[in-house]
PDB file of N, CA and C in Angstrom:
ATOM      1  N   MET A   1      11.066   5.444 -11.364  1.00  0.00           N
ATOM      2  CA  MET A   1      10.090   4.957 -12.314  1.00  0.00           C
ATOM      3  C   MET A   1       8.862   4.487 -11.548  1.00  0.00           C
ATOM      4  N   SER A   2       7.736   5.100 -11.848  1.00  0.00           N
ATOM      5  CA  SER A   2       6.500   4.757 -11.162  1.00  0.00           C
ATOM      6  C   SER A   2       5.536   4.078 -12.121  1.00  0.00           C
ATOM      7  N   GLU A   3       4.936   3.027 -11.629  1.00  0.00           N
ATOM      8  CA  GLU A   3       3.898   2.356 -12.398  1.00  0.00           C
ATOM      9  C   GLU A   3       2.595   2.535 -11.658  1.00  0.00           C
ATOM     10  N   ARG A   4       1.553   2.906 -12.370  1.00  0.00           N
ATOM     11  CA  ARG A   4       0.255   3.141 -11.756  1.00  0.00           C
ATOM     12  C   ARG A   4      -0.550   1.847 -11.723  1.00  0.00           C
ATOM     13  N   VAL A   5      -1.510   1.812 -10.814  1.00  0.00           N
ATOM     14  CA  VAL A   5      -2.434   0.684 -10.749  1.00  0.00           C
ATOM     15  C   VAL A   5      -3.455   0.890 -11.857  1.00  0.00           C
ATOM     16  N   THR A   6      -3.419   0.020 -12.858  1.00  0.00           N
ATOM     17  CA  THR A   6      -4.266   0.207 -14.037  1.00  0.00           C
ATOM     18  C   THR A   6      -5.372  -0.833 -14.155  1.00  0.00           C
ATOM     19  N   ALA A   7      -5.283  -1.928 -13.434  1.00  0.00           N
ATOM     20  CA  ALA A   7      -6.281  -2.994 -13.551  1.00  0.00           C
ATOM     21  C   ALA A   7      -7.581  -2.580 -12.869  1.00  0.00           C
ATOM     22  N   ASP A   8      -8.685  -3.088 -13.392  1.00  0.00           N
ATOM     23  CA  ASP A   8      -9.998  -2.841 -12.791  1.00  0.00           C
ATOM     24  C   ASP A   8     -10.309  -3.973 -11.823  1.00  0.00           C
ATOM     25  N   TRP A   9     -10.747  -3.632 -10.622  1.00  0.00           N
ATOM     26  CA  TRP A   9     -10.973  -4.657  -9.597  1.00  0.00           C
ATOM     27  C   TRP A   9     -12.125  -5.584  -9.959  1.00  0.00           C
ATOM     28  N   ARG A  10     -13.037  -5.145 -10.828  1.00  0.00           N
ATOM     29  CA  ARG A  10     -14.161  -6.004 -11.214  1.00  0.00           C
ATOM     30  C   ARG A  10     -13.789  -6.960 -12.335  1.00  0.00           C
ATOM     31  N   ASP A  11     -12.943  -6.530 -13.249  1.00  0.00           N
ATOM     32  CA  ASP A  11     -12.584  -7.355 -14.394  1.00  0.00           C
ATOM     33  C   ASP A  11     -11.414  -8.288 -14.105  1.00  0.00           C
ATOM     34  N   ASP A  12     -10.433  -7.804 -13.368  1.00  0.00           N
ATOM     35  CA  ASP A  12      -9.234  -8.594 -13.106  1.00  0.00           C
ATOM     36  C   ASP A  12      -8.769  -8.367 -11.665  1.00  0.00           C
ATOM     37  N   PRO A  13      -9.454  -8.978 -10.689  1.00  0.00           N
ATOM     38  CA  PRO A  13      -9.131  -8.699  -9.283  1.00  0.00           C
ATOM     39  C   PRO A  13      -7.736  -9.164  -8.866  1.00  0.00           C
ATOM     40  N   VAL A  14      -7.228 -10.222  -9.488  1.00  0.00           N
ATOM     41  CA  VAL A  14      -5.899 -10.715  -9.107  1.00  0.00           C
ATOM     42  C   VAL A  14      -4.818  -9.710  -9.517  1.00  0.00           C
ATOM     43  N   THR A  15      -4.893  -9.216 -10.741  1.00  0.00           N
ATOM     44  CA  THR A  15      -3.926  -8.225 -11.207  1.00  0.00           C
ATOM     45  C   THR A  15      -4.069  -6.934 -10.410  1.00  0.00           C
ATOM     46  N   PHE A  16      -5.305  -6.561 -10.097  1.00  0.00           N
ATOM     47  CA  PHE A  16      -5.558  -5.365  -9.302  1.00  0.00           C
ATOM     48  C   PHE A  16      -4.894  -5.473  -7.928  1.00  0.00           C
ATOM     49  N   ALA A  17      -5.050  -6.619  -7.280  1.00  0.00           N
ATOM     50  CA  ALA A  17      -4.441  -6.829  -5.962  1.00  0.00           C
ATOM     51  C   ALA A  17      -2.919  -6.856  -6.055  1.00  0.00           C
ATOM     52  N   ALA A  18      -2.398  -7.498  -7.097  1.00  0.00           N
ATOM     53  CA  ALA A  18      -0.944  -7.569  -7.266  1.00  0.00           C
ATOM     54  C   ALA A  18      -0.360  -6.181  -7.522  1.00  0.00           C
ATOM     55  N   GLN A  19      -1.019  -5.390  -8.358  1.00  0.00           N
ATOM     56  CA  GLN A  19      -0.534  -4.036  -8.617  1.00  0.00           C
ATOM     57  C   GLN A  19      -0.636  -3.168  -7.364  1.00  0.00           C
ATOM     58  N   GLY A  20      -1.697  -3.361  -6.586  1.00  0.00           N
ATOM     59  CA  GLY A  20      -1.841  -2.619  -5.340  1.00  0.00           C
ATOM     60  C   GLY A  20      -0.764  -2.974  -4.342  1.00  0.00           C
ATOM     61  N   LEU A  21      -0.432  -4.243  -4.256  1.00  0.00           N
ATOM     62  CA  LEU A  21       0.629  -4.678  -3.349  1.00  0.00           C
ATOM     63  C   LEU A  21       1.975  -4.111  -3.781  1.00  0.00           C
ATOM     64  N   MET A  22       2.242  -4.134  -5.074  1.00  0.00           N
ATOM     65  CA  MET A  22       3.487  -3.569  -5.581  1.00  0.00           C
ATOM     66  C   MET A  22       3.525  -2.048  -5.346  1.00  0.00           C
ATOM     67  N   ALA A  23       2.372  -1.394  -5.491  1.00  0.00           N
ATOM     68  CA  ALA A  23       2.315   0.050  -5.254  1.00  0.00           C
ATOM     69  C   ALA A  23       2.624   0.374  -3.799  1.00  0.00           C
ATOM     70  N   SER A  24       2.191  -0.489  -2.883  1.00  0.00           N
ATOM     71  CA  SER A  24       2.448  -0.219  -1.466  1.00  0.00           C
ATOM     72  C   SER A  24       3.928  -0.362  -1.118  1.00  0.00           C
ATOM     73  N   PHE A  25       4.669  -1.098  -1.916  1.00  0.00           N
ATOM     74  CA  PHE A  25       6.097  -1.253  -1.666  1.00  0.00           C
ATOM     75  C   PHE A  25       6.944  -0.317  -2.517  1.00  0.00           C
ATOM     76  N   GLY A  26       6.321   0.700  -3.102  1.00  0.00           N
ATOM     77  CA  GLY A  26       7.077   1.742  -3.776  1.00  0.00           C
ATOM     78  C   GLY A  26       7.087   1.711  -5.283  1.00  0.00           C
ATOM     79  N   ALA A  27       6.376   0.781  -5.913  1.00  0.00           N
ATOM     80  CA  ALA A  27       6.378   0.733  -7.374  1.00  0.00           C
ATOM     81  C   ALA A  27       5.422   1.762  -7.968  1.00  0.00           C
ATOM     82  N   GLY A  28       4.511   2.275  -7.162  1.00  0.00           N
ATOM     83  CA  GLY A  28       3.544   3.261  -7.636  1.00  0.00           C
ATOM     84  C   GLY A  28       3.971   4.672  -7.292  1.00  0.00           C
ATOM     85  N   THR A  29       3.045   5.591  -7.487  1.00  0.00           N
ATOM     86  CA  THR A  29       3.290   6.973  -7.107  1.00  0.00           C
ATOM     87  C   THR A  29       3.261   7.068  -5.583  1.00  0.00           C
ATOM     88  N   PRO A  30       3.797   8.136  -4.999  1.00  0.00           N
ATOM     89  CA  PRO A  30       3.752   8.265  -3.539  1.00  0.00           C
ATOM     90  C   PRO A  30       2.331   8.240  -2.986  1.00  0.00           C
ATOM     91  N   ARG A  31       1.390   8.869  -3.666  1.00  0.00           N
ATOM     92  CA  ARG A  31      -0.003   8.848  -3.196  1.00  0.00           C
ATOM     93  C   ARG A  31      -0.574   7.432  -3.242  1.00  0.00           C
ATOM     94  N   GLU A  32      -0.298   6.713  -4.325  1.00  0.00           N
ATOM     95  CA  GLU A  32      -0.766   5.329  -4.403  1.00  0.00           C
ATOM     96  C   GLU A  32      -0.152   4.483  -3.302  1.00  0.00           C
ATOM     97  N   GLN A  33       1.116   4.710  -3.012  1.00  0.00           N
ATOM     98  CA  GLN A  33       1.775   3.959  -1.958  1.00  0.00           C
ATOM     99  C   GLN A  33       1.081   4.204  -0.621  1.00  0.00           C
ATOM    100  N   MET A  34       0.741   5.446  -0.346  1.00  0.00           N
ATOM    101  CA  MET A  34       0.078   5.768   0.909  1.00  0.00           C
ATOM    102  C   MET A  34      -1.327   5.171   0.966  1.00  0.00           C
ATOM    103  N   VAL A  35      -2.080   5.290  -0.113  1.00  0.00           N
ATOM    104  CA  VAL A  35      -3.452   4.767  -0.139  1.00  0.00           C
ATOM    105  C   VAL A  35      -3.454   3.254   0.010  1.00  0.00           C
ATOM    106  N   TRP A  36      -2.617   2.575  -0.754  1.00  0.00           N
ATOM    107  CA  TRP A  36      -2.579   1.116  -0.684  1.00  0.00           C
ATOM    108  C   TRP A  36      -2.038   0.626   0.652  1.00  0.00           C
ATOM    109  N   SER A  37      -1.147   1.377   1.256  1.00  0.00           N
ATOM    110  CA  SER A  37      -0.661   0.991   2.577  1.00  0.00           C
ATOM    111  C   SER A  37      -1.782   1.056   3.611  1.00  0.00           C
ATOM    112  N   VAL A  38      -2.613   2.087   3.520  1.00  0.00           N
ATOM    113  CA  VAL A  38      -3.750   2.200   4.440  1.00  0.00           C
ATOM    114  C   VAL A  38      -4.758   1.078   4.187  1.00  0.00           C
ATOM    115  N   ILE A  39      -5.039   0.793   2.919  1.00  0.00           N
ATOM    116  CA  ILE A  39      -5.987  -0.279   2.587  1.00  0.00           C
ATOM    117  C   ILE A  39      -5.480  -1.620   3.102  1.00  0.00           C
ATOM    118  N   LEU A  40      -4.222  -1.927   2.835  1.00  0.00           N
ATOM    119  CA  LEU A  40      -3.677  -3.212   3.254  1.00  0.00           C
ATOM    120  C   LEU A  40      -3.506  -3.291   4.768  1.00  0.00           C
ATOM    121  N   ALA A  41      -3.201  -2.187   5.420  1.00  0.00           N
ATOM    122  CA  ALA A  41      -3.120  -2.183   6.879  1.00  0.00           C
ATOM    123  C   ALA A  41      -4.496  -2.418   7.489  1.00  0.00           C
ATOM    124  N   THR A  42      -5.524  -1.853   6.882  1.00  0.00           N
ATOM    125  CA  THR A  42      -6.891  -2.082   7.361  1.00  0.00           C
ATOM    126  C   THR A  42      -7.274  -3.544   7.220  1.00  0.00           C
ATOM    127  N   LEU A  43      -6.935  -4.138   6.094  1.00  0.00           N
ATOM    128  CA  LEU A  43      -7.219  -5.568   5.907  1.00  0.00           C
ATOM    129  C   LEU A  43      -6.430  -6.416   6.897  1.00  0.00           C
ATOM    130  N   ALA A  44      -5.186  -6.038   7.158  1.00  0.00           N
ATOM    131  CA  ALA A  44      -4.379  -6.773   8.135  1.00  0.00           C
ATOM    132  C   ALA A  44      -4.962  -6.620   9.533  1.00  0.00           C
ATOM    133  N   TYR A  45      -5.461  -5.436   9.850  1.00  0.00           N
ATOM    134  CA  TYR A  45      -6.075  -5.209  11.160  1.00  0.00           C
ATOM    135  C   TYR A  45      -7.325  -6.062  11.324  1.00  0.00           C
ATOM    136  N   LEU A  46      -8.160  -6.082  10.288  1.00  0.00           N
ATOM    137  CA  LEU A  46      -9.365  -6.905  10.346  1.00  0.00           C
ATOM    138  C   LEU A  46      -9.022  -8.381  10.485  1.00  0.00           C
ATOM    139  N   SER A  47      -7.977  -8.802   9.807  1.00  0.00           N
ATOM    140  CA  SER A  47      -7.528 -10.186   9.929  1.00  0.00           C
ATOM    141  C   SER A  47      -6.968 -10.452  11.318  1.00  0.00           C
ATOM    142  N   ALA A  48      -6.262  -9.483  11.870  1.00  0.00           N
ATOM    143  CA  ALA A  48      -5.676  -9.650  13.206  1.00  0.00           C
ATOM    144  C   ALA A  48      -6.754  -9.725  14.281  1.00  0.00           C
ATOM    145  N   LEU A  49      -7.893  -9.093  14.035  1.00  0.00           N
ATOM    146  CA  LEU A  49      -8.989  -9.182  15.003  1.00  0.00           C
ATOM    147  C   LEU A  49      -9.490 -10.610  15.141  1.00  0.00           C
ATOM    148  N   LEU A  50      -9.472 -11.335  14.030  1.00  0.00           N
ATOM    149  CA  LEU A  50      -9.964 -12.711  14.045  1.00  0.00           C
ATOM    150  C   LEU A  50      -8.926 -13.677  14.599  1.00  0.00           C
ATOM    151  N   SER A  51      -7.693 -13.474  14.236  1.00  0.00           N
ATOM    152  CA  SER A  51      -6.635 -14.365  14.713  1.00  0.00           C
ATOM    153  C   SER A  51      -5.384 -13.550  14.956  1.00  0.00           C
ATOM    154  N   PHE A  52      -5.245 -13.052  16.170  1.00  0.00           N
ATOM    155  CA  PHE A  52      -4.100 -12.197  16.477  1.00  0.00           C
ATOM    156  C   PHE A  52      -2.833 -13.036  16.460  1.00  0.00           C
ATOM    157  N   GLY A  53      -1.957 -12.728  15.590  1.00  0.00           N
ATOM    158  CA  GLY A  53      -0.738 -13.517  15.460  1.00  0.00           C
ATOM    159  C   GLY A  53       0.172 -12.870  14.453  1.00  0.00           C
ATOM    160  N   ALA A  54       0.564 -13.629  13.456  1.00  0.00           N
ATOM    161  CA  ALA A  54       1.499 -13.141  12.454  1.00  0.00           C
ATOM    162  C   ALA A  54       0.926 -11.985  11.644  1.00  0.00           C
ATOM    163  N   THR A  55      -0.409 -11.909  11.552  1.00  0.00           N
ATOM    164  CA  THR A  55      -0.984 -10.814  10.772  1.00  0.00           C
ATOM    165  C   THR A  55      -0.755  -9.470  11.434  1.00  0.00           C
ATOM    166  N   ALA A  56      -0.499  -9.431  12.727  1.00  0.00           N
ATOM    167  CA  ALA A  56      -0.210  -8.164  13.398  1.00  0.00           C
ATOM    168  C   ALA A  56       1.094  -7.563  12.893  1.00  0.00           C
ATOM    169  N   VAL A  57       1.980  -8.384  12.401  1.00  0.00           N
ATOM    170  CA  VAL A  57       3.238  -7.889  11.828  1.00  0.00           C
ATOM    171  C   VAL A  57       2.955  -7.045  10.589  1.00  0.00           C
ATOM    172  N   PHE A  58       1.918  -7.398   9.847  1.00  0.00           N
ATOM    173  CA  PHE A  58       1.567  -6.644   8.653  1.00  0.00           C
ATOM    174  C   PHE A  58       1.147  -5.219   8.990  1.00  0.00           C
ATOM    175  N   LEU A  59       0.563  -5.012  10.164  1.00  0.00           N
ATOM    176  CA  LEU A  59       0.207  -3.655  10.571  1.00  0.00           C
ATOM    177  C   LEU A  59       1.446  -2.776  10.627  1.00  0.00           C
ATOM    178  N   VAL A  60       2.493  -3.285  11.210  1.00  0.00           N
ATOM    179  CA  VAL A  60       3.752  -2.530  11.288  1.00  0.00           C
ATOM    180  C   VAL A  60       4.333  -2.343   9.896  1.00  0.00           C
ATOM    181  N   LEU A  61       4.316  -3.390   9.094  1.00  0.00           N
ATOM    182  CA  LEU A  61       4.875  -3.334   7.746  1.00  0.00           C
ATOM    183  C   LEU A  61       4.201  -2.257   6.908  1.00  0.00           C
ATOM    184  N   PHE A  62       2.867  -2.242   6.908  1.00  0.00           N
ATOM    185  CA  PHE A  62       2.167  -1.272   6.066  1.00  0.00           C
ATOM    186  C   PHE A  62       2.171   0.124   6.679  1.00  0.00           C
ATOM    187  N   ALA A  63       2.373   0.229   7.986  1.00  0.00           N
ATOM    188  CA  ALA A  63       2.574   1.549   8.583  1.00  0.00           C
ATOM    189  C   ALA A  63       3.904   2.135   8.094  1.00  0.00           C
ATOM    190  N   VAL A  64       4.917   1.291   7.995  1.00  0.00           N
ATOM    191  CA  VAL A  64       6.213   1.742   7.489  1.00  0.00           C
ATOM    192  C   VAL A  64       6.111   2.130   6.021  1.00  0.00           C
ATOM    193  N   THR A  65       5.421   1.326   5.205  1.00  0.00           N
ATOM    194  CA  THR A  65       5.297   1.678   3.786  1.00  0.00           C
ATOM    195  C   THR A  65       4.491   2.957   3.612  1.00  0.00           C
ATOM    196  N   PHE A  66       3.507   3.212   4.499  1.00  0.00           N
ATOM    197  CA  PHE A  66       2.765   4.467   4.445  1.00  0.00           C
ATOM    198  C   PHE A  66       3.697   5.642   4.730  1.00  0.00           C
ATOM    199  N   LEU A  67       4.537   5.503   5.748  1.00  0.00           N
ATOM    200  CA  LEU A  67       5.465   6.582   6.075  1.00  0.00           C
ATOM    201  C   LEU A  67       6.470   6.816   4.949  1.00  0.00           C
ATOM    202  N   VAL A  68       6.923   5.758   4.309  1.00  0.00           N
ATOM    203  CA  VAL A  68       7.834   5.914   3.171  1.00  0.00           C
ATOM    204  C   VAL A  68       7.126   6.661   2.045  1.00  0.00           C
ATOM    205  N   GLY A  69       5.868   6.328   1.788  1.00  0.00           N
ATOM    206  CA  GLY A  69       5.101   7.043   0.759  1.00  0.00           C
ATOM    207  C   GLY A  69       4.916   8.506   1.109  1.00  0.00           C
ATOM    208  N   ALA A  70       4.660   8.797   2.387  1.00  0.00           N
ATOM    209  CA  ALA A  70       4.511  10.187   2.812  1.00  0.00           C
ATOM    210  C   ALA A  70       5.822  10.947   2.638  1.00  0.00           C
ATOM    211  N   LEU A  71       6.933  10.305   2.974  1.00  0.00           N
ATOM    212  CA  LEU A  71       8.235  10.947   2.774  1.00  0.00           C
ATOM    213  C   LEU A  71       8.536  11.160   1.300  1.00  0.00           C
ATOM    214  N   ARG A  72       8.175  10.194   0.451  1.00  0.00           N
ATOM    215  CA  ARG A  72       8.375  10.359  -0.998  1.00  0.00           C
ATOM    216  C   ARG A  72       7.549  11.528  -1.524  1.00  0.00           C
ATOM    217  N   LEU A  73       6.305  11.648  -1.032  1.00  0.00           N
ATOM    218  CA  LEU A  73       5.429  12.740  -1.471  1.00  0.00           C
ATOM    219  C   LEU A  73       5.985  14.083  -1.010  1.00  0.00           C
ATOM    220  N   LEU A  74       6.458  14.126   0.227  1.00  0.00           N
ATOM    221  CA  LEU A  74       7.045  15.345   0.760  1.00  0.00           C
ATOM    222  C   LEU A  74       8.307  15.734  -0.019  1.00  0.00           C
ATOM    223  N   TRP A  75       9.141  14.764  -0.294  1.00  0.00           N
ATOM    224  CA  TRP A  75      10.374  15.011  -1.053  1.00  0.00           C
ATOM    225  C   TRP A  75      10.062  15.507  -2.454  1.00  0.00           C
ATOM    226  N   ALA A  76       9.041  14.916  -3.101  1.00  0.00           N
ATOM    227  CA  ALA A  76       8.665  15.349  -4.446  1.00  0.00           C
ATOM    228  C   ALA A  76       8.131  16.777  -4.431  1.00  0.00           C
ATOM    229  N   SER A  77       7.379  17.132  -3.396  1.00  0.00           N
ATOM    230  CA  SER A  77       6.846  18.498  -3.330  1.00  0.00           C
ATOM    231  C   SER A  77       7.927  19.518  -3.019  1.00  0.00           C
ATOM    232  N   VAL A  78       8.937  19.129  -2.248  1.00  0.00           N
ATOM    233  CA  VAL A  78      10.041  20.026  -1.937  1.00  0.00           C
ATOM    234  C   VAL A  78      10.919  20.253  -3.168  1.00  0.00           C
ATOM    235  N   ARG A  79      11.155  19.177  -3.905  1.00  0.00           N
ATOM    236  CA  ARG A  79      12.004  19.279  -5.102  1.00  0.00           C
ATOM    237  C   ARG A  79      11.331  20.068  -6.217  1.00  0.00           C
ATOM    238  N   GLY A  80       9.984  20.079  -6.201  1.00  0.00           N
ATOM    239  CA  GLY A  80       9.260  20.862  -7.202  1.00  0.00           C
ATOM    240  C   GLY A  80       8.921  20.087  -8.360  1.00  0.00           C
TER     241      GLY A  80
END
C-alpha cells in the first residue's frame, strides 16, 4: 500500500515534511522514496557540514532508504 505525498509545501509545510519523511521510509511509491531519500540526505549533509556529529548518521540512513527504493522500483519493473 503506497501513499503519495499530497500536501503542498507552501500551504502546509509541516504535513509536507511529514509525508516526505514517511515516503523516504517506504510509505510512498519507490520513486518518491528515492527522491525523498536524496532530498533528506542532502539536508543531512548540509547540516553535517556545520556540525559534524550525529547528523552524519543520517547520511547513511538515507543512503540505505534510497537503495531500498531503488530495489523496490527494480522489483516492480521486473514483476511487470
